[in-house]
Amino acid sequence: MNEPEPRPRTGMPPGTILAVLRHPDVWWVALRQAGRMAGRGWWRRPPFLPVPNPDYLRFRMVTAYGGEGDTPPHADDLITYLRWCRTWRASKG
């Protein structure tokens, strides 16, 4: 069985972050979603980055992949989600 990819302090595995960097069409969407998921006052708490609440992230991983929520997001799934967010936002006007 494969070990989960280590997560930096952002809560996302390095491969996932690199996948976003390779897709400039989702950069702004990724920044917007990071800000939305981080919650209020994220700049006042270490690591002073807009990281999602660990409980919320765990919940999202359980709903996406099942198990205990310790499965890191797949890079392709994240890119698909960010493109969906962009499309959904555009459809709202």
PDB file of N, CA and C in Angstrom:
ATOM      1  N   MET A   1       0.845  -1.180   0.000  1.00  0.00           N
ATOM      2  CA  MET A   1       0.000   0.000   0.000  1.00  0.00           C
ATOM      3  C   MET A   1       0.886   1.236   0.000  1.00  0.00           C
ATOM      4  N   ASN A   2       0.524   2.227  -0.786  1.00  0.00           N
ATOM      5  CA  ASN A   2       1.321   3.445  -0.887  1.00  0.00           C
ATOM      6  C   ASN A   2       1.110   4.337   0.319  1.00  0.00           C
ATOM      7  N   GLU A   3       2.209   4.950   0.767  1.00  0.00           N
ATOM      8  CA  GLU A   3       2.136   5.930   1.849  1.00  0.00           C
ATOM      9  C   GLU A   3       1.530   7.216   1.299  1.00  0.00           C
ATOM     10  N   PRO A   4       0.694   7.918   2.087  1.00  0.00           N
ATOM     11  CA  PRO A   4       0.188   9.203   1.614  1.00  0.00           C
ATOM     12  C   PRO A   4       1.340  10.170   1.394  1.00  0.00           C
ATOM     13  N   GLU A   5       1.185  11.011   0.383  1.00  0.00           N
ATOM     14  CA  GLU A   5       2.187  12.025   0.083  1.00  0.00           C
ATOM     15  C   GLU A   5       2.255  13.013   1.247  1.00  0.00           C
ATOM     16  N   PRO A   6       3.463  13.389   1.696  1.00  0.00           N
ATOM     17  CA  PRO A   6       3.546  14.315   2.824  1.00  0.00           C
ATOM     18  C   PRO A   6       2.909  15.657   2.492  1.00  0.00           C
ATOM     19  N   ARG A   7       2.324  16.274   3.497  1.00  0.00           N
ATOM     20  CA  ARG A   7       1.671  17.561   3.308  1.00  0.00           C
ATOM     21  C   ARG A   7       2.504  18.660   3.936  1.00  0.00           C
ATOM     22  N   PRO A   8       2.759  19.721   3.173  1.00  0.00           N
ATOM     23  CA  PRO A   8       3.424  20.867   3.784  1.00  0.00           C
ATOM     24  C   PRO A   8       2.443  21.606   4.676  1.00  0.00           C
ATOM     25  N   ARG A   9       2.854  22.702   5.253  1.00  0.00           N
ATOM     26  CA  ARG A   9       1.999  23.455   6.175  1.00  0.00           C
ATOM     27  C   ARG A   9       0.761  24.015   5.506  1.00  0.00           C
ATOM     28  N   THR A  10       0.689  23.995   4.192  1.00  0.00           N
ATOM     29  CA  THR A  10      -0.507  24.477   3.506  1.00  0.00           C
ATOM     30  C   THR A  10      -1.630  23.459   3.574  1.00  0.00           C
ATOM     31  N   GLY A  11      -1.348  22.215   3.977  1.00  0.00           N
ATOM     32  CA  GLY A  11      -2.355  21.174   4.037  1.00  0.00           C
ATOM     33  C   GLY A  11      -2.517  20.432   2.721  1.00  0.00           C
ATOM     34  N   MET A  12      -1.814  20.832   1.695  1.00  0.00           N
ATOM     35  CA  MET A  12      -1.919  20.195   0.396  1.00  0.00           C
ATOM     36  C   MET A  12      -0.599  19.520   0.050  1.00  0.00           C
ATOM     37  N   PRO A  13      -0.655  18.344  -0.568  1.00  0.00           N
ATOM     38  CA  PRO A  13       0.588  17.691  -0.965  1.00  0.00           C
ATOM     39  C   PRO A  13       1.316  18.507  -2.040  1.00  0.00           C
ATOM     40  N   PRO A  14       2.643  18.442  -2.055  1.00  0.00           N
ATOM     41  CA  PRO A  14       3.408  19.230  -3.032  1.00  0.00           C
ATOM     42  C   PRO A  14       2.993  18.977  -4.479  1.00  0.00           C
ATOM     43  N   GLY A  15       2.655  17.743  -4.829  1.00  0.00           N
ATOM     44  CA  GLY A  15       2.246  17.438  -6.198  1.00  0.00           C
ATOM     45  C   GLY A  15       0.985  18.173  -6.606  1.00  0.00           C
ATOM     46  N   THR A  16       0.103  18.379  -5.643  1.00  0.00           N
ATOM     47  CA  THR A  16      -1.142  19.097  -5.914  1.00  0.00           C
ATOM     48  C   THR A  16      -0.857  20.569  -6.167  1.00  0.00           C
ATOM     49  N   ILE A  17       0.012  21.138  -5.366  1.00  0.00           N
ATOM     50  CA  ILE A  17       0.382  22.542  -5.543  1.00  0.00           C
ATOM     51  C   ILE A  17       1.061  22.733  -6.900  1.00  0.00           C
ATOM     52  N   LEU A  18       1.951  21.821  -7.250  1.00  0.00           N
ATOM     53  CA  LEU A  18       2.628  21.900  -8.555  1.00  0.00           C
ATOM     54  C   LEU A  18       1.629  21.786  -9.703  1.00  0.00           C
ATOM     55  N   ALA A  19       0.612  20.943  -9.544  1.00  0.00           N
ATOM     56  CA  ALA A  19      -0.403  20.800 -10.592  1.00  0.00           C
ATOM     57  C   ALA A  19      -1.112  22.127 -10.839  1.00  0.00           C
ATOM     58  N   VAL A  20      -1.433  22.848  -9.769  1.00  0.00           N
ATOM     59  CA  VAL A  20      -2.088  24.148  -9.924  1.00  0.00           C
ATOM     60  C   VAL A  20      -1.138  25.118 -10.622  1.00  0.00           C
ATOM     61  N   LEU A  21       0.134  25.093 -10.245  1.00  0.00           N
ATOM     62  CA  LEU A  21       1.094  25.985 -10.882  1.00  0.00           C
ATOM     63  C   LEU A  21       1.249  25.710 -12.372  1.00  0.00           C
ATOM     64  N   ARG A  22       1.022  24.468 -12.787  1.00  0.00           N
ATOM     65  CA  ARG A  22       1.130  24.103 -14.207  1.00  0.00           C
ATOM     66  C   ARG A  22      -0.103  24.501 -15.015  1.00  0.00           C
ATOM     67  N   HIS A  23      -1.149  24.998 -14.345  1.00  0.00           N
ATOM     68  CA  HIS A  23      -2.396  25.374 -15.024  1.00  0.00           C
ATOM     69  C   HIS A  23      -2.735  26.831 -14.725  1.00  0.00           C
ATOM     70  N   PRO A  24      -2.118  27.767 -15.439  1.00  0.00           N
ATOM     71  CA  PRO A  24      -2.366  29.188 -15.158  1.00  0.00           C
ATOM     72  C   PRO A  24      -3.829  29.595 -15.282  1.00  0.00           C
ATOM     73  N   ASP A  25      -4.613  28.834 -16.030  1.00  0.00           N
ATOM     74  CA  ASP A  25      -6.024  29.193 -16.190  1.00  0.00           C
ATOM     75  C   ASP A  25      -6.814  29.065 -14.888  1.00  0.00           C
ATOM     76  N   VAL A  26      -6.270  28.388 -13.875  1.00  0.00           N
ATOM     77  CA  VAL A  26      -6.995  28.242 -12.610  1.00  0.00           C
ATOM     78  C   VAL A  26      -6.325  28.976 -11.450  1.00  0.00           C
ATOM     79  N   TRP A  27      -5.271  29.754 -11.708  1.00  0.00           N
ATOM     80  CA  TRP A  27      -4.566  30.428 -10.622  1.00  0.00           C
ATOM     81  C   TRP A  27      -5.486  31.340  -9.815  1.00  0.00           C
ATOM     82  N   TRP A  28      -6.225  32.215 -10.485  1.00  0.00           N
ATOM     83  CA  TRP A  28      -7.094  33.150  -9.759  1.00  0.00           C
ATOM     84  C   TRP A  28      -8.196  32.421  -9.022  1.00  0.00           C
ATOM     85  N   VAL A  29      -8.735  31.392  -9.646  1.00  0.00           N
ATOM     86  CA  VAL A  29      -9.782  30.605  -8.988  1.00  0.00           C
ATOM     87  C   VAL A  29      -9.207  29.927  -7.745  1.00  0.00           C
ATOM     88  N   ALA A  30      -8.004  29.382  -7.856  1.00  0.00           N
ATOM     89  CA  ALA A  30      -7.362  28.717  -6.710  1.00  0.00           C
ATOM     90  C   ALA A  30      -7.146  29.702  -5.567  1.00  0.00           C
ATOM     91  N   LEU A  31      -6.692  30.907  -5.883  1.00  0.00           N
ATOM     92  CA  LEU A  31      -6.491  31.913  -4.839  1.00  0.00           C
ATOM     93  C   LEU A  31      -7.818  32.305  -4.183  1.00  0.00           C
ATOM     94  N   ARG A  32      -8.842  32.479  -5.003  1.00  0.00           N
ATOM     95  CA  ARG A  32     -10.158  32.842  -4.471  1.00  0.00           C
ATOM     96  C   ARG A  32     -10.705  31.731  -3.571  1.00  0.00           C
ATOM     97  N   GLN A  33     -10.598  30.485  -4.012  1.00  0.00           N
ATOM     98  CA  GLN A  33     -11.100  29.368  -3.224  1.00  0.00           C
ATOM     99  C   GLN A  33     -10.289  29.194  -1.942  1.00  0.00           C
ATOM    100  N   ALA A  34      -8.988  29.397  -2.016  1.00  0.00           N
ATOM    101  CA  ALA A  34      -8.151  29.293  -0.810  1.00  0.00           C
ATOM    102  C   ALA A  34      -8.604  30.322   0.220  1.00  0.00           C
ATOM    103  N   GLY A  35      -8.872  31.535  -0.240  1.00  0.00           N
ATOM    104  CA  GLY A  35      -9.351  32.568   0.665  1.00  0.00           C
ATOM    105  C   GLY A  35     -10.698  32.240   1.267  1.00  0.00           C
ATOM    106  N   ARG A  36     -11.581  31.670   0.482  1.00  0.00           N
ATOM    107  CA  ARG A  36     -12.910  31.316   0.974  1.00  0.00           C
ATOM    108  C   ARG A  36     -12.847  30.174   1.987  1.00  0.00           C
ATOM    109  N   MET A  37     -11.988  29.219   1.741  1.00  0.00           N
ATOM    110  CA  MET A  37     -11.901  28.055   2.624  1.00  0.00           C
ATOM    111  C   MET A  37     -11.110  28.356   3.903  1.00  0.00           C
ATOM    112  N   ALA A  38     -10.283  29.392   3.892  1.00  0.00           N
ATOM    113  CA  ALA A  38      -9.409  29.669   5.026  1.00  0.00           C
ATOM    114  C   ALA A  38     -10.151  30.243   6.228  1.00  0.00           C
ATOM    115  N   GLY A  39     -11.198  30.931   5.996  1.00  0.00           N
ATOM    116  CA  GLY A  39     -11.929  31.519   7.112  1.00  0.00           C
ATOM    117  C   GLY A  39     -11.392  32.885   7.500  1.00  0.00           C
ATOM    118  N   ARG A  40     -12.090  33.487   8.403  1.00  0.00           N
ATOM    119  CA  ARG A  40     -11.756  34.848   8.838  1.00  0.00           C
ATOM    120  C   ARG A  40     -10.485  34.858   9.680  1.00  0.00           C
ATOM    121  N   GLY A  41      -9.712  35.903   9.505  1.00  0.00           N
ATOM    122  CA  GLY A  41      -8.543  36.124  10.336  1.00  0.00           C
ATOM    123  C   GLY A  41      -7.383  35.178  10.107  1.00  0.00           C
ATOM    124  N   TRP A  42      -7.321  34.540   8.954  1.00  0.00           N
ATOM    125  CA  TRP A  42      -6.246  33.575   8.709  1.00  0.00           C
ATOM    126  C   TRP A  42      -4.874  34.230   8.798  1.00  0.00           C
ATOM    127  N   TRP A  43      -4.787  35.524   8.510  1.00  0.00           N
ATOM    128  CA  TRP A  43      -3.506  36.238   8.531  1.00  0.00           C
ATOM    129  C   TRP A  43      -2.995  36.461   9.956  1.00  0.00           C
ATOM    130  N   ARG A  44      -3.839  36.214  10.960  1.00  0.00           N
ATOM    131  CA  ARG A  44      -3.427  36.395  12.352  1.00  0.00           C
ATOM    132  C   ARG A  44      -2.922  35.107  12.994  1.00  0.00           C
ATOM    133  N   ARG A  45      -3.066  33.965  12.306  1.00  0.00           N
ATOM    134  CA  ARG A  45      -2.705  32.667  12.877  1.00  0.00           C
ATOM    135  C   ARG A  45      -1.614  31.994  12.057  1.00  0.00           C
ATOM    136  N   PRO A  46      -0.630  31.407  12.734  1.00  0.00           N
ATOM    137  CA  PRO A  46       0.375  30.638  11.985  1.00  0.00           C
ATOM    138  C   PRO A  46      -0.320  29.531  11.214  1.00  0.00           C
ATOM    139  N   PRO A  47       0.089  29.218  10.041  1.00  0.00           N
ATOM    140  CA  PRO A  47       1.292  29.635   9.341  1.00  0.00           C
ATOM    141  C   PRO A  47       1.119  30.922   8.537  1.00  0.00           C
ATOM    142  N   PHE A  48       0.109  31.734   8.844  1.00  0.00           N
ATOM    143  CA  PHE A  48      -0.134  33.022   8.190  1.00  0.00           C
ATOM    144  C   PHE A  48      -0.361  32.853   6.685  1.00  0.00           C
ATOM    145  N   LEU A  49      -0.996  31.767   6.344  1.00  0.00           N
ATOM    146  CA  LEU A  49      -1.381  31.446   4.965  1.00  0.00           C
ATOM    147  C   LEU A  49      -2.861  31.106   4.960  1.00  0.00           C
ATOM    148  N   PRO A  50      -3.538  31.312   3.844  1.00  0.00           N
ATOM    149  CA  PRO A  50      -4.976  30.994   3.797  1.00  0.00           C
ATOM    150  C   PRO A  50      -5.214  29.488   3.656  1.00  0.00           C
ATOM    151  N   VAL A  51      -4.944  28.743   4.733  1.00  0.00           N
ATOM    152  CA  VAL A  51      -5.139  27.289   4.709  1.00  0.00           C
ATOM    153  C   VAL A  51      -6.512  26.963   5.279  1.00  0.00           C
ATOM    154  N   PRO A  52      -7.147  25.924   4.739  1.00  0.00           N
ATOM    155  CA  PRO A  52      -8.480  25.569   5.245  1.00  0.00           C
ATOM    156  C   PRO A  52      -8.400  24.974   6.650  1.00  0.00           C
ATOM    157  N   ASN A  53      -9.478  25.072   7.368  1.00  0.00           N
ATOM    158  CA  ASN A  53      -9.599  24.443   8.665  1.00  0.00           C
ATOM    159  C   ASN A  53      -9.374  22.943   8.493  1.00  0.00           C
ATOM    160  N   PRO A  54      -8.518  22.305   9.314  1.00  0.00           N
ATOM    161  CA  PRO A  54      -8.236  20.872   9.142  1.00  0.00           C
ATOM    162  C   PRO A  54      -9.478  20.003   9.226  1.00  0.00           C
ATOM    163  N   ASP A  55     -10.432  20.352  10.088  1.00  0.00           N
ATOM    164  CA  ASP A  55     -11.660  19.559  10.187  1.00  0.00           C
ATOM    165  C   ASP A  55     -12.472  19.657   8.902  1.00  0.00           C
ATOM    166  N   TYR A  56     -12.547  20.855   8.339  1.00  0.00           N
ATOM    167  CA  TYR A  56     -13.270  21.028   7.076  1.00  0.00           C
ATOM    168  C   TYR A  56     -12.580  20.264   5.946  1.00  0.00           C
ATOM    169  N   LEU A  57     -11.259  20.368   5.883  1.00  0.00           N
ATOM    170  CA  LEU A  57     -10.519  19.655   4.837  1.00  0.00           C
ATOM    171  C   LEU A  57     -10.703  18.147   4.983  1.00  0.00           C
ATOM    172  N   ARG A  58     -10.658  17.645   6.207  1.00  0.00           N
ATOM    173  CA  ARG A  58     -10.877  16.214   6.439  1.00  0.00           C
ATOM    174  C   ARG A  58     -12.274  15.808   5.959  1.00  0.00           C
ATOM    175  N   PHE A  59     -13.289  16.615   6.295  1.00  0.00           N
ATOM    176  CA  PHE A  59     -14.654  16.343   5.847  1.00  0.00           C
ATOM    177  C   PHE A  59     -14.726  16.275   4.322  1.00  0.00           C
ATOM    178  N   ARG A  60     -14.091  17.234   3.646  1.00  0.00           N
ATOM    179  CA  ARG A  60     -14.113  17.254   2.179  1.00  0.00           C
ATOM    180  C   ARG A  60     -13.432  16.010   1.596  1.00  0.00           C
ATOM    181  N   MET A  61     -12.341  15.562   2.227  1.00  0.00           N
ATOM    182  CA  MET A  61     -11.632  14.380   1.730  1.00  0.00           C
ATOM    183  C   MET A  61     -12.438  13.115   1.983  1.00  0.00           C
ATOM    184  N   VAL A  62     -13.186  13.059   3.098  1.00  0.00           N
ATOM    185  CA  VAL A  62     -14.071  11.913   3.348  1.00  0.00           C
ATOM    186  C   VAL A  62     -15.159  11.869   2.292  1.00  0.00           C
ATOM    187  N   THR A  63     -15.766  13.016   1.993  1.00  0.00           N
ATOM    188  CA  THR A  63     -16.846  13.023   1.005  1.00  0.00           C
ATOM    189  C   THR A  63     -16.330  12.751  -0.403  1.00  0.00           C
ATOM    190  N   ALA A  64     -15.078  13.088  -0.667  1.00  0.00           N
ATOM    191  CA  ALA A  64     -14.522  12.858  -2.004  1.00  0.00           C
ATOM    192  C   ALA A  64     -13.997  11.439  -2.181  1.00  0.00           C
ATOM    193  N   TYR A  65     -13.282  10.925  -1.167  1.00  0.00           N
ATOM    194  CA  TYR A  65     -12.568   9.660  -1.338  1.00  0.00           C
ATOM    195  C   TYR A  65     -12.940   8.578  -0.332  1.00  0.00           C
ATOM    196  N   GLY A  66     -13.780   8.909   0.664  1.00  0.00           N
ATOM    197  CA  GLY A  66     -14.146   7.930   1.677  1.00  0.00           C
ATOM    198  C   GLY A  66     -13.048   7.762   2.714  1.00  0.00           C
ATOM    199  N   GLY A  67     -13.179   6.733   3.508  1.00  0.00           N
ATOM    200  CA  GLY A  67     -12.167   6.441   4.516  1.00  0.00           C
ATOM    201  C   GLY A  67     -12.204   7.413   5.667  1.00  0.00           C
ATOM    202  N   GLU A  68     -11.040   7.691   6.213  1.00  0.00           N
ATOM    203  CA  GLU A  68     -10.905   8.548   7.390  1.00  0.00           C
ATOM    204  C   GLU A  68     -10.639  10.008   7.044  1.00  0.00           C
ATOM    205  N   GLY A  69     -10.569  10.320   5.765  1.00  0.00           N
ATOM    206  CA  GLY A  69     -10.293  11.692   5.367  1.00  0.00           C
ATOM    207  C   GLY A  69      -8.823  12.013   5.304  1.00  0.00           C
ATOM    208  N   ASP A  70      -7.982  10.968   5.326  1.00  0.00           N
ATOM    209  CA  ASP A  70      -6.546  11.203   5.292  1.00  0.00           C
ATOM    210  C   ASP A  70      -5.957  11.017   3.895  1.00  0.00           C
ATOM    211  N   THR A  71      -6.810  10.772   2.913  1.00  0.00           N
ATOM    212  CA  THR A  71      -6.347  10.667   1.531  1.00  0.00           C
ATOM    213  C   THR A  71      -6.128  12.065   0.981  1.00  0.00           C
ATOM    214  N   PRO A  72      -4.924  12.367   0.507  1.00  0.00           N
ATOM    215  CA  PRO A  72      -4.704  13.699  -0.058  1.00  0.00           C
ATOM    216  C   PRO A  72      -5.471  13.855  -1.373  1.00  0.00           C
ATOM    217  N   PRO A  73      -5.842  15.068  -1.715  1.00  0.00           N
ATOM    218  CA  PRO A  73      -6.560  15.273  -2.972  1.00  0.00           C
ATOM    219  C   PRO A  73      -5.691  14.906  -4.164  1.00  0.00           C
ATOM    220  N   HIS A  74      -6.305  14.299  -5.152  1.00  0.00           N
ATOM    221  CA  HIS A  74      -5.594  13.989  -6.391  1.00  0.00           C
ATOM    222  C   HIS A  74      -5.477  15.273  -7.198  1.00  0.00           C
ATOM    223  N   ALA A  75      -4.330  15.470  -7.790  1.00  0.00           N
ATOM    224  CA  ALA A  75      -4.074  16.708  -8.538  1.00  0.00           C
ATOM    225  C   ALA A  75      -5.113  16.921  -9.637  1.00  0.00           C
ATOM    226  N   ASP A  76      -5.427  15.871 -10.385  1.00  0.00           N
ATOM    227  CA  ASP A  76      -6.407  16.010 -11.463  1.00  0.00           C
ATOM    228  C   ASP A  76      -7.782  16.394 -10.922  1.00  0.00           C
ATOM    229  N   ASP A  77      -8.146  15.843  -9.777  1.00  0.00           N
ATOM    230  CA  ASP A  77      -9.433  16.183  -9.172  1.00  0.00           C
ATOM    231  C   ASP A  77      -9.469  17.647  -8.771  1.00  0.00           C
ATOM    232  N   LEU A  78      -8.370  18.146  -8.229  1.00  0.00           N
ATOM    233  CA  LEU A  78      -8.318  19.547  -7.822  1.00  0.00           C
ATOM    234  C   LEU A  78      -8.450  20.476  -9.023  1.00  0.00           C
ATOM    235  N   ILE A  79      -7.752  20.160 -10.107  1.00  0.00           N
ATOM    236  CA  ILE A  79      -7.837  20.999 -11.313  1.00  0.00           C
ATOM    237  C   ILE A  79      -9.260  20.969 -11.865  1.00  0.00           C
ATOM    238  N   THR A  80      -9.872  19.792 -11.882  1.00  0.00           N
ATOM    239  CA  THR A  80     -11.258  19.679 -12.348  1.00  0.00           C
ATOM    240  C   THR A  80     -12.185  20.504 -11.472  1.00  0.00           C
ATOM    241  N   TYR A  81     -12.001  20.438 -10.151  1.00  0.00           N
ATOM    242  CA  TYR A  81     -12.819  21.217  -9.223  1.00  0.00           C
ATOM    243  C   TYR A  81     -12.648  22.716  -9.466  1.00  0.00           C
ATOM    244  N   LEU A  82     -11.409  23.164  -9.617  1.00  0.00           N
ATOM    245  CA  LEU A  82     -11.169  24.591  -9.830  1.00  0.00           C
ATOM    246  C   LEU A  82     -11.782  25.062 -11.142  1.00  0.00           C
ATOM    247  N   ARG A  83     -11.717  24.255 -12.170  1.00  0.00           N
ATOM    248  CA  ARG A  83     -12.354  24.635 -13.445  1.00  0.00           C
ATOM    249  C   ARG A  83     -13.865  24.668 -13.296  1.00  0.00           C
ATOM    250  N   TRP A  84     -14.413  23.749 -12.510  1.00  0.00           N
ATOM    251  CA  TRP A  84     -15.853  23.760 -12.245  1.00  0.00           C
ATOM    252  C   TRP A  84     -16.227  25.043 -11.506  1.00  0.00           C
ATOM    253  N   CYS A  85     -15.431  25.427 -10.504  1.00  0.00           N
ATOM    254  CA  CYS A  85     -15.697  26.666  -9.757  1.00  0.00           C
ATOM    255  C   CYS A  85     -15.719  27.868 -10.694  1.00  0.00           C
ATOM    256  N   ARG A  86     -14.759  27.908 -11.611  1.00  0.00           N
ATOM    257  CA  ARG A  86     -14.687  29.024 -12.559  1.00  0.00           C
ATOM    258  C   ARG A  86     -15.931  29.044 -13.440  1.00  0.00           C
ATOM    259  N   THR A  87     -16.336  27.895 -13.935  1.00  0.00           N
ATOM    260  CA  THR A  87     -17.511  27.803 -14.805  1.00  0.00           C
ATOM    261  C   THR A  87     -18.784  28.148 -14.044  1.00  0.00           C
ATOM    262  N   TRP A  88     -18.906  27.637 -12.810  1.00  0.00           N
ATOM    263  CA  TRP A  88     -20.081  27.890 -12.011  1.00  0.00           C
ATOM    264  C   TRP A  88     -20.213  29.378 -11.708  1.00  0.00           C
ATOM    265  N   ARG A  89     -19.102  30.004 -11.342  1.00  0.00           N
ATOM    266  CA  ARG A  89     -19.128  31.438 -11.052  1.00  0.00           C
ATOM    267  C   ARG A  89     -19.531  32.227 -12.290  1.00  0.00           C
ATOM    268  N   ALA A  90     -19.014  31.847 -13.465  1.00  0.00           N
ATOM    269  CA  ALA A  90     -19.347  32.553 -14.705  1.00  0.00           C
ATOM    270  C   ALA A  90     -20.829  32.393 -15.044  1.00  0.00           C
ATOM    271  N   SER A  91     -21.421  31.256 -14.707  1.00  0.00           N
ATOM    272  CA  SER A  91     -22.826  31.012 -15.035  1.00  0.00           C
ATOM    273  C   SER A  91     -23.772  31.822 -14.148  1.00  0.00           C
ATOM    274  N   LYS A  92     -23.267  32.293 -13.018  1.00  0.00           N
ATOM    275  CA  LYS A  92     -24.105  33.084 -12.092  1.00  0.00           C
ATOM    276  C   LYS A  92     -24.172  34.549 -12.483  1.00  0.00           C
ATOM    277  N   GLY A  93     -23.335  34.934 -13.441  1.00  0.00           N
ATOM    278  CA  GLY A  93     -23.415  36.304 -13.927  1.00  0.00           C
ATOM    279  C   GLY A  93     -22.422  37.150 -13.345  1.00  0.00           C
TER     280      GLY A  93
END
